[in-house]
Amino acid sequence: MIRRVQAEQQKQEKKQQQKQQQQQEKQEQQEEQQQQLQQQEQLQQQEQLQQQEQLQQQEQQQQEQLQQEKQQQTE
């Protein structure tokens, strides 16, 4: 009788250990996914910033060219 109870307890403990392990693995996976997401977001933000800077530079160059052309015309 006592043995049966002990066996049952061990079974339960094993189940719980497995459950905990699964939960831990799940958590680790989630954390990993979140990190990947954050990295992707950072990359996207950096790319956007670079694109914006390029656009601004292009606009500036165009403005300068226009002014130069105007100057040439007035000369």
PDB file of N, CA and C in Angstrom:
ATOM      1  N   MET A   1       0.843  -1.206   0.000  1.00  0.00           N
ATOM      2  CA  MET A   1       0.000   0.000   0.000  1.00  0.00           C
ATOM      3  C   MET A   1       0.879   1.257   0.000  1.00  0.00           C
ATOM      4  N   ILE A   2       1.791   1.311   0.972  1.00  0.00           N
ATOM      5  CA  ILE A   2       2.670   2.484   1.036  1.00  0.00           C
ATOM      6  C   ILE A   2       3.470   2.600  -0.252  1.00  0.00           C
ATOM      7  N   ARG A   3       3.921   1.451  -0.735  1.00  0.00           N
ATOM      8  CA  ARG A   3       4.713   1.458  -1.968  1.00  0.00           C
ATOM      9  C   ARG A   3       3.923   2.044  -3.124  1.00  0.00           C
ATOM     10  N   ARG A   4       2.644   1.670  -3.184  1.00  0.00           N
ATOM     11  CA  ARG A   4       1.802   2.159  -4.263  1.00  0.00           C
ATOM     12  C   ARG A   4       1.684   3.676  -4.182  1.00  0.00           C
ATOM     13  N   VAL A   5       1.500   4.158  -2.973  1.00  0.00           N
ATOM     14  CA  VAL A   5       1.386   5.603  -2.769  1.00  0.00           C
ATOM     15  C   VAL A   5       2.676   6.292  -3.200  1.00  0.00           C
ATOM     16  N   GLN A   6       3.800   5.695  -2.801  1.00  0.00           N
ATOM     17  CA  GLN A   6       5.089   6.281  -3.175  1.00  0.00           C
ATOM     18  C   GLN A   6       5.259   6.295  -4.692  1.00  0.00           C
ATOM     19  N   ALA A   7       4.918   5.191  -5.317  1.00  0.00           N
ATOM     20  CA  ALA A   7       5.037   5.097  -6.772  1.00  0.00           C
ATOM     21  C   ALA A   7       4.193   6.176  -7.439  1.00  0.00           C
ATOM     22  N   GLU A   8       2.996   6.355  -6.909  1.00  0.00           N
ATOM     23  CA  GLU A   8       2.080   7.368  -7.448  1.00  0.00           C
ATOM     24  C   GLU A   8       2.698   8.762  -7.295  1.00  0.00           C
ATOM     25  N   GLN A   9       3.254   9.006  -6.109  1.00  0.00           N
ATOM     26  CA  GLN A   9       3.879  10.308  -5.865  1.00  0.00           C
ATOM     27  C   GLN A   9       5.025  10.555  -6.837  1.00  0.00           C
ATOM     28  N   GLN A  10       5.845   9.529  -7.036  1.00  0.00           N
ATOM     29  CA  GLN A  10       6.976   9.668  -7.952  1.00  0.00           C
ATOM     30  C   GLN A  10       6.485   9.986  -9.367  1.00  0.00           C
ATOM     31  N   LYS A  11       5.419   9.307  -9.756  1.00  0.00           N
ATOM     32  CA  LYS A  11       4.819   9.543 -11.069  1.00  0.00           C
ATOM     33  C   LYS A  11       4.425  11.018 -11.201  1.00  0.00           C
ATOM     34  N   GLN A  12       3.722  11.485 -10.191  1.00  0.00           N
ATOM     35  CA  GLN A  12       3.252  12.877 -10.193  1.00  0.00           C
ATOM     36  C   GLN A  12       4.435  13.842 -10.277  1.00  0.00           C
ATOM     37  N   GLU A  13       5.468  13.552  -9.479  1.00  0.00           N
ATOM     38  CA  GLU A  13       6.638  14.421  -9.460  1.00  0.00           C
ATOM     39  C   GLU A  13       7.299  14.468 -10.834  1.00  0.00           C
ATOM     40  N   LYS A  14       7.394  13.303 -11.440  1.00  0.00           N
ATOM     41  CA  LYS A  14       8.003  13.218 -12.760  1.00  0.00           C
ATOM     42  C   LYS A  14       7.197  14.058 -13.750  1.00  0.00           C
ATOM     43  N   LYS A  15       5.884  13.921 -13.674  1.00  0.00           N
ATOM     44  CA  LYS A  15       5.004  14.693 -14.550  1.00  0.00           C
ATOM     45  C   LYS A  15       5.257  16.179 -14.380  1.00  0.00           C
ATOM     46  N   GLN A  16       5.323  16.593 -13.147  1.00  0.00           N
ATOM     47  CA  GLN A  16       5.512  18.016 -12.872  1.00  0.00           C
ATOM     48  C   GLN A  16       6.864  18.508 -13.370  1.00  0.00           C
ATOM     49  N   GLN A  17       7.879  17.686 -13.189  1.00  0.00           N
ATOM     50  CA  GLN A  17       9.198  18.055 -13.678  1.00  0.00           C
ATOM     51  C   GLN A  17       9.174  18.252 -15.192  1.00  0.00           C
ATOM     52  N   GLN A  18       8.506  17.321 -15.869  1.00  0.00           N
ATOM     53  CA  GLN A  18       8.404  17.421 -17.321  1.00  0.00           C
ATOM     54  C   GLN A  18       7.672  18.705 -17.719  1.00  0.00           C
ATOM     55  N   LYS A  19       6.594  18.970 -16.989  1.00  0.00           N
ATOM     56  CA  LYS A  19       5.806  20.165 -17.246  1.00  0.00           C
ATOM     57  C   LYS A  19       6.681  21.418 -17.101  1.00  0.00           C
ATOM     58  N   GLN A  20       7.415  21.467 -16.008  1.00  0.00           N
ATOM     59  CA  GLN A  20       8.278  22.618 -15.756  1.00  0.00           C
ATOM     60  C   GLN A  20       9.312  22.775 -16.857  1.00  0.00           C
ATOM     61  N   GLN A  21       9.879  21.654 -17.285  1.00  0.00           N
ATOM     62  CA  GLN A  21      10.884  21.695 -18.338  1.00  0.00           C
ATOM     63  C   GLN A  21      10.274  22.251 -19.627  1.00  0.00           C
ATOM     64  N   GLN A  22       9.088  21.767 -19.938  1.00  0.00           N
ATOM     65  CA  GLN A  22       8.411  22.244 -21.147  1.00  0.00           C
ATOM     66  C   GLN A  22       8.163  23.748 -21.066  1.00  0.00           C
ATOM     67  N   GLN A  23       7.708  24.193 -19.910  1.00  0.00           N
ATOM     68  CA  GLN A  23       7.438  25.613 -19.739  1.00  0.00           C
ATOM     69  C   GLN A  23       8.704  26.441 -19.898  1.00  0.00           C
ATOM     70  N   GLN A  24       9.779  25.922 -19.333  1.00  0.00           N
ATOM     71  CA  GLN A  24      11.052  26.633 -19.436  1.00  0.00           C
ATOM     72  C   GLN A  24      11.491  26.741 -20.893  1.00  0.00           C
ATOM     73  N   GLU A  25      11.376  25.623 -21.602  1.00  0.00           N
ATOM     74  CA  GLU A  25      11.756  25.614 -23.017  1.00  0.00           C
ATOM     75  C   GLU A  25      10.901  26.603 -23.797  1.00  0.00           C
ATOM     76  N   LYS A  26       9.612  26.604 -23.496  1.00  0.00           N
ATOM     77  CA  LYS A  26       8.692  27.523 -24.152  1.00  0.00           C
ATOM     78  C   LYS A  26       9.129  28.972 -23.910  1.00  0.00           C
ATOM     79  N   GLN A  27       9.441  29.264 -22.671  1.00  0.00           N
ATOM     80  CA  GLN A  27       9.849  30.615 -22.304  1.00  0.00           C
ATOM     81  C   GLN A  27      11.111  31.024 -23.054  1.00  0.00           C
ATOM     82  N   GLU A  28      12.064  30.090 -23.105  1.00  0.00           N
ATOM     83  CA  GLU A  28      13.318  30.374 -23.798  1.00  0.00           C
ATOM     84  C   GLU A  28      13.053  30.664 -25.271  1.00  0.00           C
ATOM     85  N   GLN A  29      12.190  29.876 -25.874  1.00  0.00           N
ATOM     86  CA  GLN A  29      11.849  30.087 -27.285  1.00  0.00           C
ATOM     87  C   GLN A  29      11.228  31.468 -27.479  1.00  0.00           C
ATOM     88  N   GLN A  30      10.306  31.801 -26.598  1.00  0.00           N
ATOM     89  CA  GLN A  30       9.632  33.097 -26.700  1.00  0.00           C
ATOM     90  C   GLN A  30      10.630  34.241 -26.582  1.00  0.00           C
ATOM     91  N   GLU A  31      11.540  34.100 -25.615  1.00  0.00           N
ATOM     92  CA  GLU A  31      12.542  35.150 -25.420  1.00  0.00           C
ATOM     93  C   GLU A  31      13.407  35.298 -26.665  1.00  0.00           C
ATOM     94  N   GLU A  32      13.779  34.160 -27.236  1.00  0.00           N
ATOM     95  CA  GLU A  32      14.610  34.175 -28.438  1.00  0.00           C
ATOM     96  C   GLU A  32      13.871  34.879 -29.577  1.00  0.00           C
ATOM     97  N   GLN A  33      12.607  34.526 -29.736  1.00  0.00           N
ATOM     98  CA  GLN A  33      11.810  35.146 -30.795  1.00  0.00           C
ATOM     99  C   GLN A  33      11.727  36.654 -30.594  1.00  0.00           C
ATOM    100  N   GLN A  34      11.537  37.056 -29.356  1.00  0.00           N
ATOM    101  CA  GLN A  34      11.432  38.484 -29.074  1.00  0.00           C
ATOM    102  C   GLN A  34      12.729  39.208 -29.406  1.00  0.00           C
ATOM    103  N   GLN A  35      13.843  38.582 -29.052  1.00  0.00           N
ATOM    104  CA  GLN A  35      15.131  39.191 -29.365  1.00  0.00           C
ATOM    105  C   GLN A  35      15.293  39.349 -30.866  1.00  0.00           C
ATOM    106  N   GLN A  36      14.923  38.306 -31.605  1.00  0.00           N
ATOM    107  CA  GLN A  36      15.025  38.372 -33.066  1.00  0.00           C
ATOM    108  C   GLN A  36      14.159  39.496 -33.608  1.00  0.00           C
ATOM    109  N   LEU A  37      12.956  39.609 -33.075  1.00  0.00           N
ATOM    110  CA  LEU A  37      12.041  40.665 -33.501  1.00  0.00           C
ATOM    111  C   LEU A  37      12.651  42.040 -33.251  1.00  0.00           C
ATOM    112  N   GLN A  38      13.207  42.208 -32.070  1.00  0.00           N
ATOM    113  CA  GLN A  38      13.807  43.498 -31.724  1.00  0.00           C
ATOM    114  C   GLN A  38      14.958  43.822 -32.664  1.00  0.00           C
ATOM    115  N   GLN A  39      15.768  42.815 -32.971  1.00  0.00           N
ATOM    116  CA  GLN A  39      16.885  43.040 -33.888  1.00  0.00           C
ATOM    117  C   GLN A  39      16.372  43.455 -35.258  1.00  0.00           C
ATOM    118  N   GLN A  40      15.338  42.781 -35.724  1.00  0.00           N
ATOM    119  CA  GLN A  40      14.765  43.124 -37.022  1.00  0.00           C
ATOM    120  C   GLN A  40      14.253  44.556 -37.020  1.00  0.00           C
ATOM    121  N   GLU A  41      13.562  44.926 -35.952  1.00  0.00           N
ATOM    122  CA  GLU A  41      13.017  46.278 -35.852  1.00  0.00           C
ATOM    123  C   GLU A  41      14.138  47.312 -35.876  1.00  0.00           C
ATOM    124  N   GLN A  42      15.194  47.032 -35.140  1.00  0.00           N
ATOM    125  CA  GLN A  42      16.325  47.954 -35.119  1.00  0.00           C
ATOM    126  C   GLN A  42      16.922  48.103 -36.507  1.00  0.00           C
ATOM    127  N   LEU A  43      17.066  46.980 -37.189  1.00  0.00           N
ATOM    128  CA  LEU A  43      17.622  47.014 -38.540  1.00  0.00           C
ATOM    129  C   LEU A  43      16.742  47.857 -39.458  1.00  0.00           C
ATOM    130  N   GLN A  44      15.450  47.636 -39.368  1.00  0.00           N
ATOM    131  CA  GLN A  44      14.514  48.390 -40.203  1.00  0.00           C
ATOM    132  C   GLN A  44      14.608  49.877 -39.907  1.00  0.00           C
ATOM    133  N   GLN A  45      14.685  50.221 -38.639  1.00  0.00           N
ATOM    134  CA  GLN A  45      14.782  51.630 -38.261  1.00  0.00           C
ATOM    135  C   GLN A  45      16.056  52.238 -38.823  1.00  0.00           C
ATOM    136  N   GLN A  46      17.153  51.499 -38.715  1.00  0.00           N
ATOM    137  CA  GLN A  46      18.421  51.999 -39.235  1.00  0.00           C
ATOM    138  C   GLN A  46      18.318  52.234 -40.736  1.00  0.00           C
ATOM    139  N   GLU A  47      17.729  51.271 -41.428  1.00  0.00           N
ATOM    140  CA  GLU A  47      17.585  51.395 -42.885  1.00  0.00           C
ATOM    141  C   GLU A  47      16.749  52.614 -43.231  1.00  0.00           C
ATOM    142  N   GLN A  48      15.660  52.790 -42.517  1.00  0.00           N
ATOM    143  CA  GLN A  48      14.807  53.945 -42.762  1.00  0.00           C
ATOM    144  C   GLN A  48      15.567  55.241 -42.557  1.00  0.00           C
ATOM    145  N   LEU A  49      16.326  55.295 -41.491  1.00  0.00           N
ATOM    146  CA  LEU A  49      17.110  56.491 -41.205  1.00  0.00           C
ATOM    147  C   LEU A  49      18.088  56.763 -42.337  1.00  0.00           C
ATOM    148  N   GLN A  50      18.761  55.728 -42.775  1.00  0.00           N
ATOM    149  CA  GLN A  50      19.728  55.890 -43.863  1.00  0.00           C
ATOM    150  C   GLN A  50      19.035  56.389 -45.126  1.00  0.00           C
ATOM    151  N   GLN A  51      17.891  55.817 -45.416  1.00  0.00           N
ATOM    152  CA  GLN A  51      17.149  56.242 -46.607  1.00  0.00           C
ATOM    153  C   GLN A  51      16.755  57.711 -46.500  1.00  0.00           C
ATOM    154  N   GLN A  52      16.277  58.104 -45.343  1.00  0.00           N
ATOM    155  CA  GLN A  52      15.878  59.489 -45.128  1.00  0.00           C
ATOM    156  C   GLN A  52      17.060  60.418 -45.334  1.00  0.00           C
ATOM    157  N   GLU A  53      18.194  60.031 -44.775  1.00  0.00           N
ATOM    158  CA  GLU A  53      19.394  60.857 -44.912  1.00  0.00           C
ATOM    159  C   GLU A  53      19.780  60.990 -46.379  1.00  0.00           C
ATOM    160  N   GLN A  54      19.726  59.884 -47.085  1.00  0.00           N
ATOM    161  CA  GLN A  54      20.056  59.918 -48.510  1.00  0.00           C
ATOM    162  C   GLN A  54      19.125  60.856 -49.258  1.00  0.00           C
ATOM    163  N   LEU A  55      17.845  60.744 -48.950  1.00  0.00           N
ATOM    164  CA  LEU A  55      16.857  61.615 -49.597  1.00  0.00           C
ATOM    165  C   LEU A  55      17.176  63.083 -49.334  1.00  0.00           C
ATOM    166  N   GLN A  56      17.471  63.385 -48.090  1.00  0.00           N
ATOM    167  CA  GLN A  56      17.776  64.764 -47.731  1.00  0.00           C
ATOM    168  C   GLN A  56      19.001  65.255 -48.483  1.00  0.00           C
ATOM    169  N   GLN A  57      19.996  64.411 -48.580  1.00  0.00           N
ATOM    170  CA  GLN A  57      21.209  64.778 -49.303  1.00  0.00           C
ATOM    171  C   GLN A  57      20.897  65.046 -50.770  1.00  0.00           C
ATOM    172  N   GLN A  58      20.103  64.168 -51.346  1.00  0.00           N
ATOM    173  CA  GLN A  58      19.729  64.339 -52.750  1.00  0.00           C
ATOM    174  C   GLN A  58      19.007  65.663 -52.950  1.00  0.00           C
ATOM    175  N   GLU A  59      18.083  65.950 -52.059  1.00  0.00           N
ATOM    176  CA  GLU A  59      17.323  67.200 -52.165  1.00  0.00           C
ATOM    177  C   GLU A  59      18.259  68.399 -52.083  1.00  0.00           C
ATOM    178  N   GLN A  60      19.186  68.322 -51.156  1.00  0.00           N
ATOM    179  CA  GLN A  60      20.148  69.406 -50.992  1.00  0.00           C
ATOM    180  C   GLN A  60      20.948  69.600 -52.271  1.00  0.00           C
ATOM    181  N   GLN A  61      21.401  68.509 -52.827  1.00  0.00           N
ATOM    182  CA  GLN A  61      22.188  68.579 -54.058  1.00  0.00           C
ATOM    183  C   GLN A  61      21.368  69.211 -55.180  1.00  0.00           C
ATOM    184  N   GLN A  62      20.115  68.789 -55.273  1.00  0.00           N
ATOM    185  CA  GLN A  62      19.250  69.351 -56.317  1.00  0.00           C
ATOM    186  C   GLN A  62      19.095  70.849 -56.133  1.00  0.00           C
ATOM    187  N   GLN A  63      18.880  71.247 -54.890  1.00  0.00           N
ATOM    188  CA  GLN A  63      18.731  72.677 -54.581  1.00  0.00           C
ATOM    189  C   GLN A  63      19.984  73.429 -55.011  1.00  0.00           C
ATOM    190  N   GLU A  64      21.122  72.894 -54.658  1.00  0.00           N
ATOM    191  CA  GLU A  64      22.387  73.545 -54.991  1.00  0.00           C
ATOM    192  C   GLU A  64      22.536  73.660 -56.495  1.00  0.00           C
ATOM    193  N   GLN A  65      22.217  72.583 -57.185  1.00  0.00           N
ATOM    194  CA  GLN A  65      22.315  72.595 -58.647  1.00  0.00           C
ATOM    195  C   GLN A  65      21.428  73.678 -59.229  1.00  0.00           C
ATOM    196  N   LEU A  66      20.222  73.758 -58.734  1.00  0.00           N
ATOM    197  CA  LEU A  66      19.271  74.761 -59.214  1.00  0.00           C
ATOM    198  C   LEU A  66      19.850  76.161 -59.032  1.00  0.00           C
ATOM    199  N   GLN A  67      20.404  76.391 -57.871  1.00  0.00           N
ATOM    200  CA  GLN A  67      20.957  77.716 -57.590  1.00  0.00           C
ATOM    201  C   GLN A  67      22.121  78.013 -58.521  1.00  0.00           C
ATOM    202  N   GLN A  68      22.944  77.030 -58.749  1.00  0.00           N
ATOM    203  CA  GLN A  68      24.079  77.206 -59.653  1.00  0.00           C
ATOM    204  C   GLN A  68      23.575  77.554 -61.046  1.00  0.00           C
ATOM    205  N   GLU A  69      22.548  76.827 -61.482  1.00  0.00           N
ATOM    206  CA  GLU A  69      21.992  77.075 -62.817  1.00  0.00           C
ATOM    207  C   GLU A  69      21.439  78.499 -62.903  1.00  0.00           C
ATOM    208  N   LYS A  70      20.757  78.897 -61.861  1.00  0.00           N
ATOM    209  CA  LYS A  70      20.202  80.252 -61.828  1.00  0.00           C
ATOM    210  C   LYS A  70      21.320  81.286 -61.957  1.00  0.00           C
ATOM    211  N   GLN A  71      22.370  81.058 -61.197  1.00  0.00           N
ATOM    212  CA  GLN A  71      23.511  81.975 -61.232  1.00  0.00           C
ATOM    213  C   GLN A  71      24.084  82.046 -62.636  1.00  0.00           C
ATOM    214  N   GLN A  72      24.215  80.907 -63.269  1.00  0.00           N
ATOM    215  CA  GLN A  72      24.775  80.856 -64.618  1.00  0.00           C
ATOM    216  C   GLN A  72      23.871  81.628 -65.583  1.00  0.00           C
ATOM    217  N   GLN A  73      22.591  81.503 -65.384  1.00  0.00           N
ATOM    218  CA  GLN A  73      21.649  82.178 -66.283  1.00  0.00           C
ATOM    219  C   GLN A  73      21.751  83.698 -66.132  1.00  0.00           C
ATOM    220  N   THR A  74      21.917  84.130 -64.898  1.00  0.00           N
ATOM    221  CA  THR A  74      21.946  85.576 -64.699  1.00  0.00           C
ATOM    222  C   THR A  74      23.261  86.173 -65.194  1.00  0.00           C
ATOM    223  N   GLU A  75      24.312  85.398 -65.247  1.00  0.00           N
ATOM    224  CA  GLU A  75      25.600  85.932 -65.680  1.00  0.00           C
ATOM    225  C   GLU A  75      25.580  86.316 -67.149  1.00  0.00           C
TER     226      GLU A  75
END
